[in-house]
């Protein structure tokens, strides 16, 4: 083994030890991988499923009060459609569809990367349900990655609602995800949400953990 090889091995070893130390000092963030889904207003529910229809619960989600519904719809774009897209409940004030950038290629729509609920100026789309079709003027987005935190958890991590942080995802395809929004509410439970594109890039599955690397308001 020559001198340069030895130096490289030492550098790699030191780097690994420092990363392990940094991880041990940082607190873990559980990861949730979000598939494409739809949030419907009450009026949209009735348009697609019939007057007076109420969404039915399939299973609870990680965030308190949120649930996946038995019902699905088809999302239709200029070039294609996504079938059996799960509805998440309960009903919201505005209808919104969250897809990956790859899903956008299928639909023929370029979804802007937005925080959930920020739908002004976003693309139009069409929804098909068992009882009708609905053309929606705005609301198709690729949801920006974010971390839900309870207020106590935010205090524990030393962050505030609206801060942006970096999150390290370890593994064979380890990555650091920058500009991750912190969302704080007494109704939230700690979990980072990323979409399928991001999860596949890092080979991350539901239930794995990431590590908060820094914190600070933008």
C-alpha atoms as a PDB file:
ATOM      1  CA  UNK A   1       0.000   0.000   0.000  1.00  0.00           C
ATOM      2  CA  UNK A   2       1.510   3.314  -1.030  1.00  0.00           C
ATOM      3  CA  UNK A   3       1.349   6.599   0.869  1.00  0.00           C
ATOM      4  CA  UNK A   4      -1.552   8.063  -1.174  1.00  0.00           C
ATOM      5  CA  UNK A   5      -3.702   4.960  -0.651  1.00  0.00           C
ATOM      6  CA  UNK A   6      -3.060   5.129   3.087  1.00  0.00           C
ATOM      7  CA  UNK A   7      -3.969   8.835   3.186  1.00  0.00           C
ATOM      8  CA  UNK A   8      -7.232   8.151   1.317  1.00  0.00           C
ATOM      9  CA  UNK A   9      -8.167   5.339   3.713  1.00  0.00           C
ATOM     10  CA  UNK A  10      -7.504   7.581   6.711  1.00  0.00           C
ATOM     11  CA  UNK A  11      -9.598  10.379   5.188  1.00  0.00           C
ATOM     12  CA  UNK A  12     -12.487   8.006   4.489  1.00  0.00           C
ATOM     13  CA  UNK A  13     -12.321   6.581   8.013  1.00  0.00           C
ATOM     14  CA  UNK A  14     -12.255  10.017   9.631  1.00  0.00           C
ATOM     15  CA  UNK A  15     -15.149  11.176   7.438  1.00  0.00           C
ATOM     16  CA  UNK A  16     -17.218   8.141   8.413  1.00  0.00           C
ATOM     17  CA  UNK A  17     -16.509   8.603  12.114  1.00  0.00           C
ATOM     18  CA  UNK A  18     -17.419  12.293  11.946  1.00  0.00           C
ATOM     19  CA  UNK A  19     -20.675  11.469  10.153  1.00  0.00           C
ATOM     20  CA  UNK A  20     -21.538   8.846  12.786  1.00  0.00           C
ATOM     21  CA  UNK A  21     -20.784  11.329  15.561  1.00  0.00           C
ATOM     22  CA  UNK A  22     -22.935  13.964  13.876  1.00  0.00           C
ATOM     23  CA  UNK A  23     -25.805  11.490  13.506  1.00  0.00           C
ATOM     24  CA  UNK A  24     -25.557  10.495  17.176  1.00  0.00           C
ATOM     25  CA  UNK A  25     -25.806  14.161  18.150  1.00  0.00           C
ATOM     26  CA  UNK A  26     -28.764  14.835  15.880  1.00  0.00           C
ATOM     27  CA  UNK A  27     -32.242  13.599  16.585  1.00  0.00           C
ATOM     28  CA  UNK A  28     -33.905  11.173  14.234  1.00  0.00           C
ATOM     29  CA  UNK A  29     -36.708  12.145  11.853  1.00  0.00           C
ATOM     30  CA  UNK A  30     -39.027   9.310  10.728  1.00  0.00           C
ATOM     31  CA  UNK A  31     -39.674   9.331   6.985  1.00  0.00           C
ATOM     32  CA  UNK A  32     -43.057   8.926   5.313  1.00  0.00           C
ATOM     33  CA  UNK A  33     -43.168   8.393   1.550  1.00  0.00           C
ATOM     34  CA  UNK A  34     -46.250  10.029   0.017  1.00  0.00           C
ATOM     35  CA  UNK A  35     -47.817   8.494  -3.055  1.00  0.00           C
ATOM     36  CA  UNK A  36     -49.994  10.588  -5.383  1.00  0.00           C
ATOM     37  CA  UNK A  37     -53.263  11.554  -3.706  1.00  0.00           C
ATOM     38  CA  UNK A  38     -56.254  13.874  -3.824  1.00  0.00           C
ATOM     39  CA  UNK A  39     -57.845  16.233  -1.301  1.00  0.00           C
ATOM     40  CA  UNK A  40     -61.462  17.066  -2.138  1.00  0.00           C
ATOM     41  CA  UNK A  41     -63.805  19.832  -1.061  1.00  0.00           C
ATOM     42  CA  UNK A  42     -67.249  18.739   0.112  1.00  0.00           C
ATOM     43  CA  UNK A  43     -68.778  20.090  -3.112  1.00  0.00           C
ATOM     44  CA  UNK A  44     -66.279  18.071  -5.161  1.00  0.00           C
ATOM     45  CA  UNK A  45     -67.127  14.909  -3.210  1.00  0.00           C
ATOM     46  CA  UNK A  46     -70.800  15.316  -4.081  1.00  0.00           C
ATOM     47  CA  UNK A  47     -70.044  16.096  -7.721  1.00  0.00           C
ATOM     48  CA  UNK A  48     -67.934  12.977  -8.150  1.00  0.00           C
ATOM     49  CA  UNK A  49     -69.798  10.528  -5.885  1.00  0.00           C
ATOM     50  CA  UNK A  50     -73.351  11.857  -5.648  1.00  0.00           C
ATOM     51  CA  UNK A  51     -75.347  14.304  -3.543  1.00  0.00           C
ATOM     52  CA  UNK A  52     -74.953  13.800   0.196  1.00  0.00           C
ATOM     53  CA  UNK A  53     -72.091  11.333  -0.207  1.00  0.00           C
ATOM     54  CA  UNK A  54     -69.653  11.023   2.703  1.00  0.00           C
ATOM     55  CA  UNK A  55     -66.104   9.725   2.321  1.00  0.00           C
ATOM     56  CA  UNK A  56     -65.434   6.428   4.103  1.00  0.00           C
ATOM     57  CA  UNK A  57     -62.304   5.631   6.097  1.00  0.00           C
ATOM     58  CA  UNK A  58     -59.903   2.946   4.900  1.00  0.00           C
ATOM     59  CA  UNK A  59     -57.132   3.499   7.443  1.00  0.00           C
ATOM     60  CA  UNK A  60     -55.735   6.295   9.617  1.00  0.00           C
ATOM     61  CA  UNK A  61     -52.653   8.222   8.501  1.00  0.00           C
ATOM     62  CA  UNK A  62     -49.696   9.256  10.625  1.00  0.00           C
ATOM     63  CA  UNK A  63     -51.045  12.763  11.189  1.00  0.00           C
ATOM     64  CA  UNK A  64     -53.839  12.835  13.784  1.00  0.00           C
ATOM     65  CA  UNK A  65     -57.323  13.127  12.284  1.00  0.00           C
ATOM     66  CA  UNK A  66     -56.150  12.381   8.734  1.00  0.00           C
ATOM     67  CA  UNK A  67     -57.142   9.188   6.949  1.00  0.00           C
ATOM     68  CA  UNK A  68     -56.932   7.369   3.647  1.00  0.00           C
ATOM     69  CA  UNK A  69     -60.332   6.817   2.085  1.00  0.00           C
ATOM     70  CA  UNK A  70     -61.755   3.749   0.394  1.00  0.00           C
ATOM     71  CA  UNK A  71     -62.672   6.012  -2.511  1.00  0.00           C
ATOM     72  CA  UNK A  72     -60.412   6.749  -5.478  1.00  0.00           C
ATOM     73  CA  UNK A  73     -60.710   8.937  -8.569  1.00  0.00           C
ATOM     74  CA  UNK A  74     -59.055   9.261 -11.959  1.00  0.00           C
ATOM     75  CA  UNK A  75     -56.923  12.355 -12.572  1.00  0.00           C
ATOM     76  CA  UNK A  76     -57.016  13.424 -16.219  1.00  0.00           C
ATOM     77  CA  UNK A  77     -54.521  15.695 -18.000  1.00  0.00           C
ATOM     78  CA  UNK A  78     -53.973  16.813 -21.606  1.00  0.00           C
ATOM     79  CA  UNK A  79     -51.898  13.745 -22.534  1.00  0.00           C
ATOM     80  CA  UNK A  80     -52.846  10.990 -20.109  1.00  0.00           C
ATOM     81  CA  UNK A  81     -54.512   9.978 -16.873  1.00  0.00           C
ATOM     82  CA  UNK A  82     -53.737   8.479 -13.474  1.00  0.00           C
ATOM     83  CA  UNK A  83     -56.270   5.915 -12.341  1.00  0.00           C
ATOM     84  CA  UNK A  84     -57.219   4.824  -8.827  1.00  0.00           C
ATOM     85  CA  UNK A  85     -55.710   7.863  -7.121  1.00  0.00           C
ATOM     86  CA  UNK A  86     -56.468   7.645  -3.414  1.00  0.00           C
ATOM     87  CA  UNK A  87     -58.538  10.337  -1.706  1.00  0.00           C
ATOM     88  CA  UNK A  88     -57.349  11.531   1.697  1.00  0.00           C
ATOM     89  CA  UNK A  89     -59.856  12.768   4.230  1.00  0.00           C
ATOM     90  CA  UNK A  90     -61.478  14.594   5.762  1.00  0.00           C
ATOM     91  CA  UNK A  91     -62.871  16.913   3.073  1.00  0.00           C
ATOM     92  CA  UNK A  92     -61.056  20.257   2.723  1.00  0.00           C
ATOM     93  CA  UNK A  93     -61.974  23.760   1.707  1.00  0.00           C
ATOM     94  CA  UNK A  94     -60.203  23.480  -1.657  1.00  0.00           C
ATOM     95  CA  UNK A  95     -59.657  20.570  -4.006  1.00  0.00           C
ATOM     96  CA  UNK A  96     -55.990  19.726  -4.492  1.00  0.00           C
ATOM     97  CA  UNK A  97     -54.072  16.959  -6.261  1.00  0.00           C
ATOM     98  CA  UNK A  98     -50.513  16.076  -5.203  1.00  0.00           C
ATOM     99  CA  UNK A  99     -48.422  14.155  -7.727  1.00  0.00           C
ATOM    100  CA  UNK A 100     -44.747  13.505  -8.413  1.00  0.00           C
ATOM    101  CA  UNK A 101     -42.854  15.203 -11.209  1.00  0.00           C
ATOM    102  CA  UNK A 102     -42.827  11.846 -13.005  1.00  0.00           C
ATOM    103  CA  UNK A 103     -46.632  11.692 -12.747  1.00  0.00           C
ATOM    104  CA  UNK A 104     -46.693  15.071 -14.458  1.00  0.00           C
ATOM    105  CA  UNK A 105     -45.092  13.555 -17.556  1.00  0.00           C
ATOM    106  CA  UNK A 106     -47.910  10.992 -17.720  1.00  0.00           C
ATOM    107  CA  UNK A 107     -50.573  13.696 -17.421  1.00  0.00           C
ATOM    108  CA  UNK A 108     -48.864  16.121 -19.779  1.00  0.00           C
ATOM    109  CA  UNK A 109     -48.753  18.743 -17.040  1.00  0.00           C
ATOM    110  CA  UNK A 110     -45.718  20.281 -15.343  1.00  0.00           C
ATOM    111  CA  UNK A 111     -46.708  20.466 -11.671  1.00  0.00           C
ATOM    112  CA  UNK A 112     -45.083  23.316  -9.754  1.00  0.00           C
ATOM    113  CA  UNK A 113     -43.323  22.423  -6.510  1.00  0.00           C
ATOM    114  CA  UNK A 114     -45.471  24.040  -3.840  1.00  0.00           C
ATOM    115  CA  UNK A 115     -46.277  23.759  -0.170  1.00  0.00           C
ATOM    116  CA  UNK A 116     -49.595  22.009   0.385  1.00  0.00           C
ATOM    117  CA  UNK A 117     -52.440  24.536   0.218  1.00  0.00           C
ATOM    118  CA  UNK A 118     -50.486  27.012  -1.920  1.00  0.00           C
ATOM    119  CA  UNK A 119     -52.432  26.511  -5.145  1.00  0.00           C
ATOM    120  CA  UNK A 120     -52.784  29.988  -6.652  1.00  0.00           C
ATOM    121  CA  UNK A 121     -51.648  29.950 -10.268  1.00  0.00           C
ATOM    122  CA  UNK A 122     -51.281  26.155 -10.391  1.00  0.00           C
ATOM    123  CA  UNK A 123     -52.425  24.009 -13.352  1.00  0.00           C
ATOM    124  CA  UNK A 124     -55.972  22.936 -14.084  1.00  0.00           C
ATOM    125  CA  UNK A 125     -56.974  19.278 -14.302  1.00  0.00           C
ATOM    126  CA  UNK A 126     -60.028  17.033 -14.522  1.00  0.00           C
ATOM    127  CA  UNK A 127     -61.278  14.462 -12.001  1.00  0.00           C
ATOM    128  CA  UNK A 128     -63.474  11.500 -12.872  1.00  0.00           C
ATOM    129  CA  UNK A 129     -65.561   9.744 -10.236  1.00  0.00           C
ATOM    130  CA  UNK A 130     -68.265   7.085 -10.389  1.00  0.00           C
ATOM    131  CA  UNK A 131     -71.062   9.663 -10.526  1.00  0.00           C
ATOM    132  CA  UNK A 132     -69.563  12.485 -12.538  1.00  0.00           C
ATOM    133  CA  UNK A 133     -66.636  14.461 -13.861  1.00  0.00           C
ATOM    134  CA  UNK A 134     -65.241  17.692 -12.447  1.00  0.00           C
ATOM    135  CA  UNK A 135     -63.004  20.224 -14.187  1.00  0.00           C
ATOM    136  CA  UNK A 136     -60.856  22.000 -11.609  1.00  0.00           C
ATOM    137  CA  UNK A 137     -59.284  25.342 -12.541  1.00  0.00           C
ATOM    138  CA  UNK A 138     -56.290  25.086 -10.185  1.00  0.00           C
ATOM    139  CA  UNK A 139     -54.749  22.829  -7.585  1.00  0.00           C
ATOM    140  CA  UNK A 140     -52.343  20.327  -9.159  1.00  0.00           C
ATOM    141  CA  UNK A 141     -48.959  20.453  -7.424  1.00  0.00           C
ATOM    142  CA  UNK A 142     -45.849  18.488  -6.608  1.00  0.00           C
ATOM    143  CA  UNK A 143     -45.728  18.855  -2.831  1.00  0.00           C
ATOM    144  CA  UNK A 144     -42.505  20.346  -1.466  1.00  0.00           C
ATOM    145  CA  UNK A 145     -40.782  18.108   1.057  1.00  0.00           C
ATOM    146  CA  UNK A 146     -41.565  19.064   4.621  1.00  0.00           C
ATOM    147  CA  UNK A 147     -41.458  17.919   8.228  1.00  0.00           C
ATOM    148  CA  UNK A 148     -44.522  17.845  10.463  1.00  0.00           C
ATOM    149  CA  UNK A 149     -43.755  18.603  14.100  1.00  0.00           C
ATOM    150  CA  UNK A 150     -45.814  18.963  17.238  1.00  0.00           C
ATOM    151  CA  UNK A 151     -45.071  22.197  19.092  1.00  0.00           C
ATOM    152  CA  UNK A 152     -43.220  20.252  21.812  1.00  0.00           C
ATOM    153  CA  UNK A 153     -41.129  18.485  19.180  1.00  0.00           C
ATOM    154  CA  UNK A 154     -40.237  21.802  17.558  1.00  0.00           C
ATOM    155  CA  UNK A 155     -38.982  23.040  20.917  1.00  0.00           C
ATOM    156  CA  UNK A 156     -36.978  19.824  21.333  1.00  0.00           C
ATOM    157  CA  UNK A 157     -35.348  20.297  17.922  1.00  0.00           C
ATOM    158  CA  UNK A 158     -34.885  24.049  18.367  1.00  0.00           C
ATOM    159  CA  UNK A 159     -36.813  25.026  15.230  1.00  0.00           C
ATOM    160  CA  UNK A 160     -39.845  27.150  14.391  1.00  0.00           C
ATOM    161  CA  UNK A 161     -42.721  26.916  11.959  1.00  0.00           C
ATOM    162  CA  UNK A 162     -41.502  28.113   8.561  1.00  0.00           C
ATOM    163  CA  UNK A 163     -37.830  27.286   9.150  1.00  0.00           C
ATOM    164  CA  UNK A 164     -35.911  25.403   6.466  1.00  0.00           C
ATOM    165  CA  UNK A 165     -33.462  22.636   7.336  1.00  0.00           C
ATOM    166  CA  UNK A 166     -31.203  20.061   5.678  1.00  0.00           C
ATOM    167  CA  UNK A 167     -31.947  16.393   6.303  1.00  0.00           C
ATOM    168  CA  UNK A 168     -29.401  13.617   5.785  1.00  0.00           C
ATOM    169  CA  UNK A 169     -30.816  10.291   4.568  1.00  0.00           C
ATOM    170  CA  UNK A 170     -28.284   7.496   5.179  1.00  0.00           C
ATOM    171  CA  UNK A 171     -27.952   4.308   3.147  1.00  0.00           C
ATOM    172  CA  UNK A 172     -26.377   2.906  -0.004  1.00  0.00           C
ATOM    173  CA  UNK A 173     -27.680   5.914  -1.969  1.00  0.00           C
ATOM    174  CA  UNK A 174     -27.343   8.449   0.839  1.00  0.00           C
ATOM    175  CA  UNK A 175     -28.367  12.017   0.094  1.00  0.00           C
ATOM    176  CA  UNK A 176     -28.841  15.283   1.907  1.00  0.00           C
ATOM    177  CA  UNK A 177     -32.147  16.993   1.144  1.00  0.00           C
ATOM    178  CA  UNK A 178     -31.871  20.769   1.411  1.00  0.00           C
ATOM    179  CA  UNK A 179     -34.621  23.361   1.829  1.00  0.00           C
ATOM    180  CA  UNK A 180     -36.923  21.109   3.848  1.00  0.00           C
ATOM    181  CA  UNK A 181     -39.786  23.109   5.338  1.00  0.00           C
ATOM    182  CA  UNK A 182     -40.687  22.802   9.020  1.00  0.00           C
ATOM    183  CA  UNK A 183     -44.442  22.827   9.711  1.00  0.00           C
ATOM    184  CA  UNK A 184     -45.430  23.120  13.367  1.00  0.00           C
ATOM    185  CA  UNK A 185     -48.844  22.561  14.940  1.00  0.00           C
ATOM    186  CA  UNK A 186     -50.215  21.092  18.172  1.00  0.00           C
ATOM    187  CA  UNK A 187     -52.177  18.762  15.854  1.00  0.00           C
ATOM    188  CA  UNK A 188     -49.075  17.343  14.127  1.00  0.00           C
ATOM    189  CA  UNK A 189     -46.924  14.298  14.827  1.00  0.00           C
ATOM    190  CA  UNK A 190     -43.226  14.122  13.933  1.00  0.00           C
ATOM    191  CA  UNK A 191     -42.697  12.872  10.369  1.00  0.00           C
ATOM    192  CA  UNK A 192     -40.914  14.026   7.226  1.00  0.00           C
ATOM    193  CA  UNK A 193     -42.864  13.700   3.980  1.00  0.00           C
ATOM    194  CA  UNK A 194     -41.136  13.093   0.648  1.00  0.00           C
ATOM    195  CA  UNK A 195     -42.603  11.865  -2.622  1.00  0.00           C
ATOM    196  CA  UNK A 196     -41.818   8.706  -4.603  1.00  0.00           C
ATOM    197  CA  UNK A 197     -39.289  10.417  -6.871  1.00  0.00           C
ATOM    198  CA  UNK A 198     -37.237  11.583  -3.887  1.00  0.00           C
ATOM    199  CA  UNK A 199     -37.607   8.250  -2.085  1.00  0.00           C
ATOM    200  CA  UNK A 200     -36.492   6.251  -5.118  1.00  0.00           C
ATOM    201  CA  UNK A 201     -33.482   8.511  -5.667  1.00  0.00           C
ATOM    202  CA  UNK A 202     -32.282   7.799  -2.117  1.00  0.00           C
ATOM    203  CA  UNK A 203     -33.620   4.212  -1.916  1.00  0.00           C
ATOM    204  CA  UNK A 204     -35.710   5.200   1.105  1.00  0.00           C
ATOM    205  CA  UNK A 205     -38.735   3.273   2.362  1.00  0.00           C
ATOM    206  CA  UNK A 206     -41.490   4.177   4.808  1.00  0.00           C
ATOM    207  CA  UNK A 207     -40.329   3.988   8.412  1.00  0.00           C
ATOM    208  CA  UNK A 208     -36.670   4.753   7.767  1.00  0.00           C
ATOM    209  CA  UNK A 209     -35.122   7.728   9.524  1.00  0.00           C
ATOM    210  CA  UNK A 210     -33.215  10.810   8.494  1.00  0.00           C
ATOM    211  CA  UNK A 211     -31.131  13.183  10.566  1.00  0.00           C
ATOM    212  CA  UNK A 212     -31.652  16.912  10.989  1.00  0.00           C
ATOM    213  CA  UNK A 213     -28.424  18.593   9.908  1.00  0.00           C
ATOM    214  CA  UNK A 214     -29.146  22.244  10.636  1.00  0.00           C
ATOM    215  CA  UNK A 215     -31.942  24.675  11.341  1.00  0.00           C
ATOM    216  CA  UNK A 216     -32.664  28.309  10.623  1.00  0.00           C
ATOM    217  CA  UNK A 217     -35.439  30.518   9.357  1.00  0.00           C
ATOM    218  CA  UNK A 218     -35.324  31.698   5.754  1.00  0.00           C
END
